[in-house]
Protein backbone atom coordinates (compact mmCIF):
# COMPACT_ATOMS: atom_id res chain seq x y z
CA MET A 1 82.92 122.12 120.95
CA SER A 2 80.66 119.79 119.01
CA ASP A 3 76.92 120.10 118.78
CA THR A 4 74.59 117.15 118.80
CA LEU A 5 72.33 116.47 115.83
CA LEU A 6 69.50 114.04 116.23
CA ILE A 7 68.43 112.28 113.02
CA ARG A 8 65.88 109.58 112.49
CA LEU A 9 66.56 106.68 110.14
CA ASP A 10 64.45 103.67 109.50
CA SER A 11 65.96 100.63 111.18
CA SER A 12 66.91 98.85 107.92
CA LEU A 13 68.77 101.91 106.63
CA LYS A 14 70.58 102.30 109.93
CA ALA A 15 71.55 98.64 109.96
CA ARG A 16 72.88 98.81 106.41
CA ILE A 17 75.02 101.93 106.98
CA ALA A 18 76.25 100.59 110.32
CA LYS A 19 77.32 97.32 108.60
CA LEU A 20 79.15 99.25 105.89
CA ALA A 21 80.84 101.47 108.48
CA LYS A 22 81.99 98.44 110.46
CA LEU A 23 83.40 96.82 107.32
CA GLU A 24 85.47 99.97 106.75
CA GLY A 25 86.58 100.00 110.40
CA LYS A 26 84.69 103.22 111.08
CA THR A 27 82.06 104.23 113.54
CA LEU A 28 78.58 105.12 112.34
CA THR A 29 79.14 108.63 113.68
CA ARG A 30 82.34 109.01 111.64
CA VAL A 31 80.56 107.86 108.41
CA ILE A 32 77.73 110.32 108.96
CA ARG A 33 80.19 113.16 109.59
CA GLU A 34 82.10 112.26 106.39
CA LEU A 35 78.87 112.11 104.37
CA ILE A 36 77.81 115.54 105.65
CA ARG A 37 81.28 117.02 105.02
CA ASN A 38 81.31 115.61 101.47
CA TYR A 39 77.79 116.85 100.85
CA ILE A 40 78.81 120.42 101.82
CA GLN A 41 82.04 120.30 99.79
CA GLU A 42 80.18 119.20 96.69
CA ARG A 43 77.63 121.98 96.94
CA ASP A 44 79.42 124.90 98.57
CA ILE A 45 81.17 126.53 95.63
CA ALA A 46 82.12 129.63 97.61
CA GLY A 47 83.75 127.52 100.28
CA TYR A 48 85.63 125.58 97.63
CA ILE A 49 86.89 128.77 96.04
CA ASP A 50 87.96 130.10 99.47
CA GLN A 51 89.88 126.84 100.01
CA VAL A 52 91.61 127.15 96.62
CA TRP A 53 92.65 130.74 97.33
CA ASP A 54 93.93 129.66 100.80
CA GLU A 55 96.04 126.96 99.20
CA ILE A 56 97.41 129.41 96.60
CA GLY A 57 98.24 131.86 99.30
CA HIS A 58 100.06 129.19 101.29
CA GLU A 59 102.07 128.13 98.22
CA ILE A 60 102.98 131.81 97.55
CA LYS A 61 104.21 132.28 101.11
CA GLU A 62 106.07 128.97 101.05
CA ALA A 63 107.85 130.13 97.93
CA GLY A 64 108.93 133.32 99.74
CA HIS A 65 106.91 135.73 97.69
CA THR A 66 105.21 138.86 99.09
CA VAL A 67 102.04 140.69 98.22
CA ASP A 68 104.12 143.18 96.26
CA ASP A 69 105.65 140.33 94.21
CA VAL A 70 102.15 139.05 93.36
CA ASP A 71 100.92 142.54 92.35
CA ARG A 72 104.01 143.06 90.18
CA LEU A 73 103.67 139.69 88.47
CA ILE A 74 99.99 140.37 87.73
CA GLN A 75 100.84 143.78 86.24
CA GLU A 76 103.62 142.22 84.13
CA ALA A 77 101.29 139.47 82.87
CA ARG A 78 98.65 142.04 81.92
CA ARG A 79 101.25 144.16 80.07
CA ASP A 80 102.50 141.11 78.19
CA LYS A 81 98.97 140.24 77.16
CA SER A 82 98.14 143.61 75.65
């Protein structure tokens, strides 16, 4: 379920962003959502790291590897390094 957020913009700013949204074939609401999502992604380092780990985990599963495989490969890499 979505929550409603009320923001106040001066009329000239709202008109400019609405015009740009229309040129891109987007609604004003969609543009605002994208701006907020991008703002969070650019500043939420922990969220970004979680996303990267999720992607790595997905790729490992897609390749058919298990947790034991990952642990073994880490141990082998550490042995090779020392």
